[in-house]
Amino acid sequence: MNPSASLPFPANARAASHTEADEEPPHGDLVTVTRVFNSLEAEMLRGCLESEGIPVTLGDVQLVQTYSVGLALGGIRIMVPAMFADAARSTVDAFEHGELAIDELPSDSEPAAAETETTSTFGWSRATWIALAIVVIVIIAF
């Protein structure tokens, strides 16, 4: 008896073993447009490319993060479908030249409030610290 025969699968569902090996990705073959050695930089590039409407895939990012073998692998591959390669390269160039950097805050935003510096640890007053010091001296002395 086949154990999977009793599972509630639709009759027209294809089994995973019957997938086509030659099926193309939705946008065609992937092309590596650049390589980076830092996963943070790779994620920033992914965000820049996706904001331009370019689908992007990061190759070897898990290996680089887990085993720190970025130099041996040649870095994290930034891959896009071939039809988006030219647009992706121009976006990567703009990213590398700092053209996508945010130079200043928008005019309608208020500046962040300055942090106040506390003068004592735990917010205790000077009198509390003096009382604590006296108690410690008395305990040590006797």
N, C-alpha and C. Protein backbone atom coordinates (compact mmCIF):
# COMPACT_ATOMS: atom_id res chain seq x y z
N MET A 1 0.85 -1.18 0.00
CA MET A 1 0.00 0.00 0.00
C MET A 1 0.89 1.24 0.00
N ASN A 2 0.52 2.22 -0.78
CA ASN A 2 1.25 3.48 -0.89
C ASN A 2 0.80 4.41 0.24
N PRO A 3 1.71 4.81 1.17
CA PRO A 3 1.29 5.65 2.29
C PRO A 3 0.82 7.03 1.85
N SER A 4 1.35 7.55 0.76
CA SER A 4 0.93 8.89 0.33
C SER A 4 -0.44 8.88 -0.33
N ALA A 5 -0.95 7.69 -0.66
CA ALA A 5 -2.27 7.61 -1.29
C ALA A 5 -3.37 8.07 -0.35
N SER A 6 -3.15 7.97 0.97
CA SER A 6 -4.18 8.35 1.92
C SER A 6 -4.13 9.84 2.28
N LEU A 7 -3.13 10.58 1.78
CA LEU A 7 -3.02 12.00 2.08
C LEU A 7 -4.01 12.79 1.23
N PRO A 8 -4.52 13.88 1.75
CA PRO A 8 -5.54 14.65 1.03
C PRO A 8 -4.97 15.61 -0.01
N PHE A 9 -4.31 15.10 -1.06
CA PHE A 9 -3.80 15.93 -2.13
C PHE A 9 -4.83 16.02 -3.24
N PRO A 10 -4.92 17.15 -3.91
CA PRO A 10 -5.84 17.24 -5.04
C PRO A 10 -5.40 16.26 -6.14
N ALA A 11 -6.35 15.77 -6.87
CA ALA A 11 -6.06 14.76 -7.89
C ALA A 11 -5.19 15.33 -9.01
N ASN A 12 -5.29 16.64 -9.30
CA ASN A 12 -4.53 17.21 -10.40
C ASN A 12 -3.20 17.82 -9.96
N ALA A 13 -2.81 17.67 -8.69
CA ALA A 13 -1.55 18.24 -8.19
C ALA A 13 -0.38 17.43 -8.70
N ARG A 14 0.70 18.14 -9.13
CA ARG A 14 1.90 17.46 -9.61
C ARG A 14 2.80 17.13 -8.43
N ALA A 15 3.44 16.01 -8.50
CA ALA A 15 4.40 15.63 -7.46
C ALA A 15 5.67 16.43 -7.65
N ALA A 16 6.41 16.63 -6.55
CA ALA A 16 7.65 17.41 -6.61
C ALA A 16 8.69 16.73 -7.49
N SER A 17 8.67 15.44 -7.60
CA SER A 17 9.67 14.73 -8.40
C SER A 17 9.43 14.89 -9.90
N HIS A 18 8.27 15.42 -10.29
CA HIS A 18 7.96 15.57 -11.71
C HIS A 18 8.20 16.99 -12.23
N THR A 19 8.98 17.80 -11.49
CA THR A 19 9.24 19.16 -11.96
C THR A 19 10.19 19.12 -13.15
N GLU A 20 10.04 20.10 -14.01
CA GLU A 20 10.88 20.18 -15.20
C GLU A 20 12.23 20.77 -14.83
N ALA A 21 13.32 20.08 -15.17
CA ALA A 21 14.65 20.57 -14.86
C ALA A 21 15.03 21.74 -15.74
N ASP A 22 14.42 21.85 -16.92
CA ASP A 22 14.79 22.91 -17.84
C ASP A 22 13.84 24.10 -17.80
N GLU A 23 13.01 24.22 -16.74
CA GLU A 23 12.13 25.37 -16.62
C GLU A 23 12.98 26.61 -16.37
N GLU A 24 12.69 27.69 -17.07
CA GLU A 24 13.45 28.92 -16.91
C GLU A 24 12.90 29.72 -15.73
N PRO A 25 13.78 30.49 -15.06
CA PRO A 25 13.28 31.40 -14.02
C PRO A 25 12.31 32.39 -14.64
N PRO A 26 11.49 33.06 -13.84
CA PRO A 26 10.45 33.93 -14.39
C PRO A 26 10.98 35.06 -15.27
N HIS A 27 12.19 35.55 -15.07
CA HIS A 27 12.73 36.64 -15.87
C HIS A 27 13.94 36.23 -16.69
N GLY A 28 14.23 34.98 -16.83
CA GLY A 28 15.37 34.52 -17.61
C GLY A 28 16.56 34.18 -16.74
N ASP A 29 17.71 34.04 -17.39
CA ASP A 29 18.94 33.66 -16.70
C ASP A 29 19.42 34.80 -15.80
N LEU A 30 20.06 34.42 -14.69
CA LEU A 30 20.61 35.40 -13.77
C LEU A 30 22.02 35.78 -14.19
N VAL A 31 22.35 37.06 -14.03
CA VAL A 31 23.67 37.59 -14.38
C VAL A 31 24.23 38.25 -13.13
N THR A 32 25.50 38.00 -12.82
CA THR A 32 26.15 38.64 -11.69
C THR A 32 26.61 40.03 -12.12
N VAL A 33 26.07 41.08 -11.47
CA VAL A 33 26.44 42.44 -11.84
C VAL A 33 27.59 42.97 -11.00
N THR A 34 27.75 42.48 -9.78
CA THR A 34 28.87 42.87 -8.93
C THR A 34 29.01 41.87 -7.79
N ARG A 35 30.11 41.98 -7.08
CA ARG A 35 30.35 41.17 -5.88
C ARG A 35 30.76 42.10 -4.75
N VAL A 36 30.28 41.82 -3.56
CA VAL A 36 30.65 42.59 -2.37
C VAL A 36 31.07 41.61 -1.28
N PHE A 37 31.87 42.09 -0.33
CA PHE A 37 32.38 41.21 0.72
C PHE A 37 31.69 41.42 2.05
N ASN A 38 30.73 42.31 2.10
CA ASN A 38 30.05 42.63 3.35
C ASN A 38 28.56 42.36 3.16
N SER A 39 27.96 41.59 4.05
CA SER A 39 26.54 41.26 3.89
C SER A 39 25.66 42.49 4.08
N LEU A 40 26.08 43.45 4.88
CA LEU A 40 25.30 44.67 5.03
C LEU A 40 25.27 45.47 3.73
N GLU A 41 26.42 45.56 3.07
CA GLU A 41 26.47 46.25 1.78
C GLU A 41 25.63 45.51 0.74
N ALA A 42 25.64 44.18 0.80
CA ALA A 42 24.82 43.39 -0.13
C ALA A 42 23.34 43.68 0.08
N GLU A 43 22.91 43.76 1.33
CA GLU A 43 21.50 44.04 1.62
C GLU A 43 21.12 45.46 1.22
N MET A 44 22.05 46.42 1.39
CA MET A 44 21.75 47.79 0.96
C MET A 44 21.62 47.85 -0.56
N LEU A 45 22.50 47.13 -1.26
CA LEU A 45 22.39 47.08 -2.73
C LEU A 45 21.09 46.42 -3.16
N ARG A 46 20.70 45.36 -2.46
CA ARG A 46 19.43 44.70 -2.78
C ARG A 46 18.28 45.69 -2.65
N GLY A 47 18.28 46.47 -1.58
CA GLY A 47 17.23 47.46 -1.38
C GLY A 47 17.21 48.52 -2.47
N CYS A 48 18.39 48.98 -2.87
CA CYS A 48 18.47 49.99 -3.94
C CYS A 48 17.94 49.43 -5.25
N LEU A 49 18.35 48.20 -5.58
CA LEU A 49 17.91 47.60 -6.83
C LEU A 49 16.41 47.32 -6.82
N GLU A 50 15.90 46.79 -5.70
CA GLU A 50 14.47 46.50 -5.62
C GLU A 50 13.64 47.78 -5.66
N SER A 51 14.17 48.88 -5.10
CA SER A 51 13.43 50.15 -5.17
C SER A 51 13.36 50.68 -6.60
N GLU A 52 14.27 50.25 -7.45
CA GLU A 52 14.25 50.62 -8.86
C GLU A 52 13.38 49.66 -9.68
N GLY A 53 12.80 48.66 -9.02
CA GLY A 53 11.95 47.69 -9.72
C GLY A 53 12.73 46.55 -10.34
N ILE A 54 13.97 46.35 -9.92
CA ILE A 54 14.82 45.30 -10.47
C ILE A 54 14.82 44.11 -9.52
N PRO A 55 14.37 42.94 -9.96
CA PRO A 55 14.43 41.76 -9.09
C PRO A 55 15.88 41.36 -8.88
N VAL A 56 16.24 41.05 -7.65
CA VAL A 56 17.64 40.76 -7.33
C VAL A 56 17.73 39.53 -6.44
N THR A 57 18.81 38.79 -6.62
CA THR A 57 19.10 37.61 -5.81
C THR A 57 20.51 37.74 -5.27
N LEU A 58 20.69 37.44 -3.99
CA LEU A 58 22.03 37.45 -3.39
C LEU A 58 22.55 36.03 -3.37
N GLY A 59 23.69 35.81 -4.01
CA GLY A 59 24.28 34.48 -4.06
C GLY A 59 25.36 34.31 -3.02
N ASP A 60 25.39 33.18 -2.35
CA ASP A 60 26.39 32.79 -1.36
C ASP A 60 26.34 33.61 -0.08
N VAL A 61 25.27 34.35 0.16
CA VAL A 61 25.22 35.19 1.34
C VAL A 61 25.19 34.36 2.62
N GLN A 62 24.52 33.21 2.60
CA GLN A 62 24.46 32.37 3.79
C GLN A 62 25.83 31.78 4.11
N LEU A 63 26.57 31.37 3.10
CA LEU A 63 27.91 30.83 3.34
C LEU A 63 28.84 31.89 3.92
N VAL A 64 28.76 33.09 3.39
CA VAL A 64 29.63 34.16 3.87
C VAL A 64 29.28 34.53 5.31
N GLN A 65 27.99 34.60 5.64
CA GLN A 65 27.58 34.95 6.99
C GLN A 65 27.88 33.84 7.98
N THR A 66 27.68 32.60 7.59
CA THR A 66 27.83 31.49 8.51
C THR A 66 29.27 31.08 8.71
N TYR A 67 30.01 30.94 7.63
CA TYR A 67 31.35 30.38 7.72
C TYR A 67 32.47 31.38 7.48
N SER A 68 32.14 32.63 7.21
CA SER A 68 33.13 33.68 6.96
C SER A 68 34.12 33.28 5.87
N VAL A 69 33.61 32.81 4.76
CA VAL A 69 34.46 32.40 3.65
C VAL A 69 34.28 33.34 2.46
N GLY A 70 34.02 34.60 2.75
CA GLY A 70 33.75 35.56 1.68
C GLY A 70 34.91 35.73 0.72
N LEU A 71 36.13 35.78 1.24
CA LEU A 71 37.28 35.93 0.35
C LEU A 71 37.49 34.71 -0.52
N ALA A 72 37.29 33.53 0.05
CA ALA A 72 37.49 32.30 -0.71
C ALA A 72 36.46 32.16 -1.83
N LEU A 73 35.26 32.62 -1.59
CA LEU A 73 34.19 32.52 -2.59
C LEU A 73 34.20 33.69 -3.56
N GLY A 74 34.95 34.72 -3.26
CA GLY A 74 34.94 35.90 -4.12
C GLY A 74 33.85 36.88 -3.73
N GLY A 75 33.29 36.73 -2.56
CA GLY A 75 32.28 37.65 -2.06
C GLY A 75 30.87 37.19 -2.33
N ILE A 76 29.94 38.06 -1.98
CA ILE A 76 28.52 37.80 -2.19
C ILE A 76 28.16 38.28 -3.59
N ARG A 77 27.55 37.42 -4.36
CA ARG A 77 27.18 37.76 -5.73
C ARG A 77 25.84 38.49 -5.75
N ILE A 78 25.81 39.64 -6.40
CA ILE A 78 24.56 40.38 -6.62
C ILE A 78 24.11 40.00 -8.02
N MET A 79 23.02 39.23 -8.10
CA MET A 79 22.58 38.68 -9.39
C MET A 79 21.19 39.21 -9.75
N VAL A 80 21.04 39.56 -11.01
CA VAL A 80 19.76 40.04 -11.54
C VAL A 80 19.46 39.29 -12.83
N PRO A 81 18.19 39.25 -13.25
CA PRO A 81 17.88 38.66 -14.55
C PRO A 81 18.60 39.42 -15.66
N ALA A 82 18.97 38.70 -16.73
CA ALA A 82 19.77 39.27 -17.82
C ALA A 82 19.12 40.52 -18.43
N MET A 83 17.80 40.54 -18.49
CA MET A 83 17.13 41.68 -19.11
C MET A 83 17.23 42.96 -18.27
N PHE A 84 17.59 42.84 -16.99
CA PHE A 84 17.74 43.99 -16.10
C PHE A 84 19.21 44.33 -15.83
N ALA A 85 20.14 43.66 -16.49
CA ALA A 85 21.56 43.78 -16.15
C ALA A 85 22.09 45.20 -16.35
N ASP A 86 21.77 45.84 -17.47
CA ASP A 86 22.28 47.19 -17.72
C ASP A 86 21.75 48.20 -16.70
N ALA A 87 20.47 48.13 -16.42
CA ALA A 87 19.89 49.04 -15.42
C ALA A 87 20.48 48.78 -14.04
N ALA A 88 20.71 47.51 -13.73
CA ALA A 88 21.29 47.16 -12.43
C ALA A 88 22.72 47.68 -12.32
N ARG A 89 23.49 47.56 -13.38
CA ARG A 89 24.88 48.05 -13.35
C ARG A 89 24.92 49.57 -13.14
N SER A 90 24.01 50.29 -13.76
CA SER A 90 24.00 51.75 -13.56
C SER A 90 23.59 52.10 -12.13
N THR A 91 22.67 51.34 -11.55
CA THR A 91 22.27 51.56 -10.16
C THR A 91 23.43 51.23 -9.22
N VAL A 92 24.14 50.14 -9.49
CA VAL A 92 25.30 49.77 -8.66
C VAL A 92 26.38 50.84 -8.75
N ASP A 93 26.63 51.37 -9.95
CA ASP A 93 27.61 52.44 -10.11
C ASP A 93 27.21 53.68 -9.31
N ALA A 94 25.93 54.03 -9.38
CA ALA A 94 25.44 55.18 -8.61
C ALA A 94 25.60 54.94 -7.12
N PHE A 95 25.35 53.70 -6.67
CA PHE A 95 25.51 53.35 -5.25
C PHE A 95 26.97 53.48 -4.84
N GLU A 96 27.88 52.96 -5.66
CA GLU A 96 29.30 52.99 -5.33
C GLU A 96 29.89 54.40 -5.35
N HIS A 97 29.32 55.30 -6.16
CA HIS A 97 29.80 56.67 -6.21
C HIS A 97 29.10 57.58 -5.21
N GLY A 98 28.21 57.02 -4.40
CA GLY A 98 27.54 57.79 -3.36
C GLY A 98 26.40 58.66 -3.85
N GLU A 99 25.94 58.43 -5.06
CA GLU A 99 24.86 59.25 -5.60
C GLU A 99 23.51 58.92 -4.97
N LEU A 100 23.40 57.78 -4.32
CA LEU A 100 22.14 57.39 -3.70
C LEU A 100 22.11 57.70 -2.21
N ALA A 101 23.16 58.37 -1.70
CA ALA A 101 23.23 58.68 -0.27
C ALA A 101 22.23 59.77 0.08
N ILE A 102 21.74 59.73 1.29
CA ILE A 102 20.84 60.76 1.81
C ILE A 102 21.71 61.77 2.54
N ASP A 103 21.83 62.97 1.98
CA ASP A 103 22.73 63.97 2.53
C ASP A 103 22.15 64.72 3.72
N GLU A 104 20.87 64.97 3.70
CA GLU A 104 20.27 65.74 4.78
C GLU A 104 18.86 65.26 5.04
N LEU A 105 18.34 65.67 6.18
CA LEU A 105 16.97 65.33 6.54
C LEU A 105 16.00 66.16 5.71
N PRO A 106 14.81 65.65 5.48
CA PRO A 106 13.80 66.46 4.80
C PRO A 106 13.50 67.73 5.59
N SER A 107 13.06 68.78 4.93
CA SER A 107 12.87 70.08 5.58
C SER A 107 11.72 70.06 6.59
N ASP A 108 10.76 69.17 6.44
CA ASP A 108 9.63 69.15 7.37
C ASP A 108 9.90 68.38 8.65
N SER A 109 11.04 67.73 8.76
CA SER A 109 11.32 66.97 9.97
C SER A 109 12.04 67.85 11.00
N GLU A 110 11.80 67.55 12.25
CA GLU A 110 12.42 68.30 13.32
C GLU A 110 13.71 67.61 13.73
N PRO A 111 14.72 68.36 14.16
CA PRO A 111 15.96 67.72 14.60
C PRO A 111 15.71 66.91 15.87
N ALA A 112 16.51 65.88 16.00
CA ALA A 112 16.38 65.01 17.17
C ALA A 112 16.78 65.77 18.42
N ALA A 113 16.08 65.49 19.51
CA ALA A 113 16.39 66.15 20.78
C ALA A 113 17.73 65.65 21.30
N ALA A 114 18.50 66.56 21.85
CA ALA A 114 19.80 66.19 22.41
C ALA A 114 19.60 65.34 23.65
N GLU A 115 20.45 64.34 23.79
CA GLU A 115 20.34 63.47 24.96
C GLU A 115 20.88 64.20 26.18
N THR A 116 20.16 64.07 27.28
CA THR A 116 20.62 64.69 28.52
C THR A 116 21.56 63.73 29.23
N GLU A 117 22.59 64.29 29.80
CA GLU A 117 23.58 63.47 30.48
C GLU A 117 23.23 63.39 31.95
N THR A 118 23.15 62.17 32.48
CA THR A 118 22.86 62.00 33.89
C THR A 118 24.15 62.13 34.67
N THR A 119 24.05 62.76 35.83
CA THR A 119 25.26 63.01 36.62
C THR A 119 25.58 61.86 37.55
N SER A 120 24.60 61.04 37.87
CA SER A 120 24.88 59.93 38.78
C SER A 120 24.33 58.64 38.20
N THR A 121 24.97 57.55 38.54
CA THR A 121 24.54 56.25 38.09
C THR A 121 23.25 55.87 38.80
N PHE A 122 22.35 55.22 38.16
CA PHE A 122 21.06 54.75 38.67
C PHE A 122 20.14 55.91 39.04
N GLY A 123 20.50 57.15 38.74
CA GLY A 123 19.64 58.29 39.05
C GLY A 123 19.56 58.60 40.53
N TRP A 124 20.51 58.16 41.33
CA TRP A 124 20.49 58.42 42.77
C TRP A 124 21.02 59.82 43.04
N SER A 125 20.51 60.43 44.10
CA SER A 125 20.96 61.77 44.47
C SER A 125 22.30 61.69 45.21
N ARG A 126 22.90 62.85 45.38
CA ARG A 126 24.19 62.91 46.09
C ARG A 126 24.05 62.44 47.53
N ALA A 127 22.96 62.78 48.17
CA ALA A 127 22.74 62.38 49.58
C ALA A 127 22.62 60.86 49.69
N THR A 128 21.99 60.23 48.70
CA THR A 128 21.87 58.77 48.73
C THR A 128 23.23 58.12 48.61
N TRP A 129 24.10 58.65 47.75
CA TRP A 129 25.44 58.09 47.61
C TRP A 129 26.26 58.27 48.89
N ILE A 130 26.13 59.41 49.55
CA ILE A 130 26.86 59.65 50.81
C ILE A 130 26.39 58.68 51.88
N ALA A 131 25.08 58.47 51.96
CA ALA A 131 24.54 57.53 52.95
C ALA A 131 25.01 56.11 52.66
N LEU A 132 25.04 55.74 51.40
CA LEU A 132 25.52 54.41 51.03
C LEU A 132 26.99 54.24 51.36
N ALA A 133 27.80 55.26 51.13
CA ALA A 133 29.23 55.20 51.44
C ALA A 133 29.44 55.05 52.94
N ILE A 134 28.66 55.77 53.76
CA ILE A 134 28.78 55.66 55.22
C ILE A 134 28.42 54.25 55.67
N VAL A 135 27.37 53.67 55.13
CA VAL A 135 26.97 52.31 55.49
C VAL A 135 28.06 51.30 55.13
N VAL A 136 28.65 51.44 53.96
CA VAL A 136 29.72 50.52 53.54
C VAL A 136 30.93 50.67 54.46
N ILE A 137 31.29 51.89 54.82
CA ILE A 137 32.45 52.10 55.72
C ILE A 137 32.19 51.49 57.08
N VAL A 138 30.98 51.65 57.59
CA VAL A 138 30.63 51.09 58.90
C VAL A 138 30.70 49.56 58.84
N ILE A 139 30.21 48.96 57.77
CA ILE A 139 30.23 47.49 57.64
C ILE A 139 31.66 46.99 57.57
N ILE A 140 32.51 47.67 56.80
CA ILE A 140 33.90 47.24 56.66
C ILE A 140 34.66 47.44 57.98
N ALA A 141 34.41 48.54 58.68
CA ALA A 141 35.13 48.86 59.92
C ALA A 141 34.80 47.88 61.03
N PHE A 142 33.58 47.42 61.11
CA PHE A 142 33.18 46.54 62.21
C PHE A 142 33.06 45.15 61.69
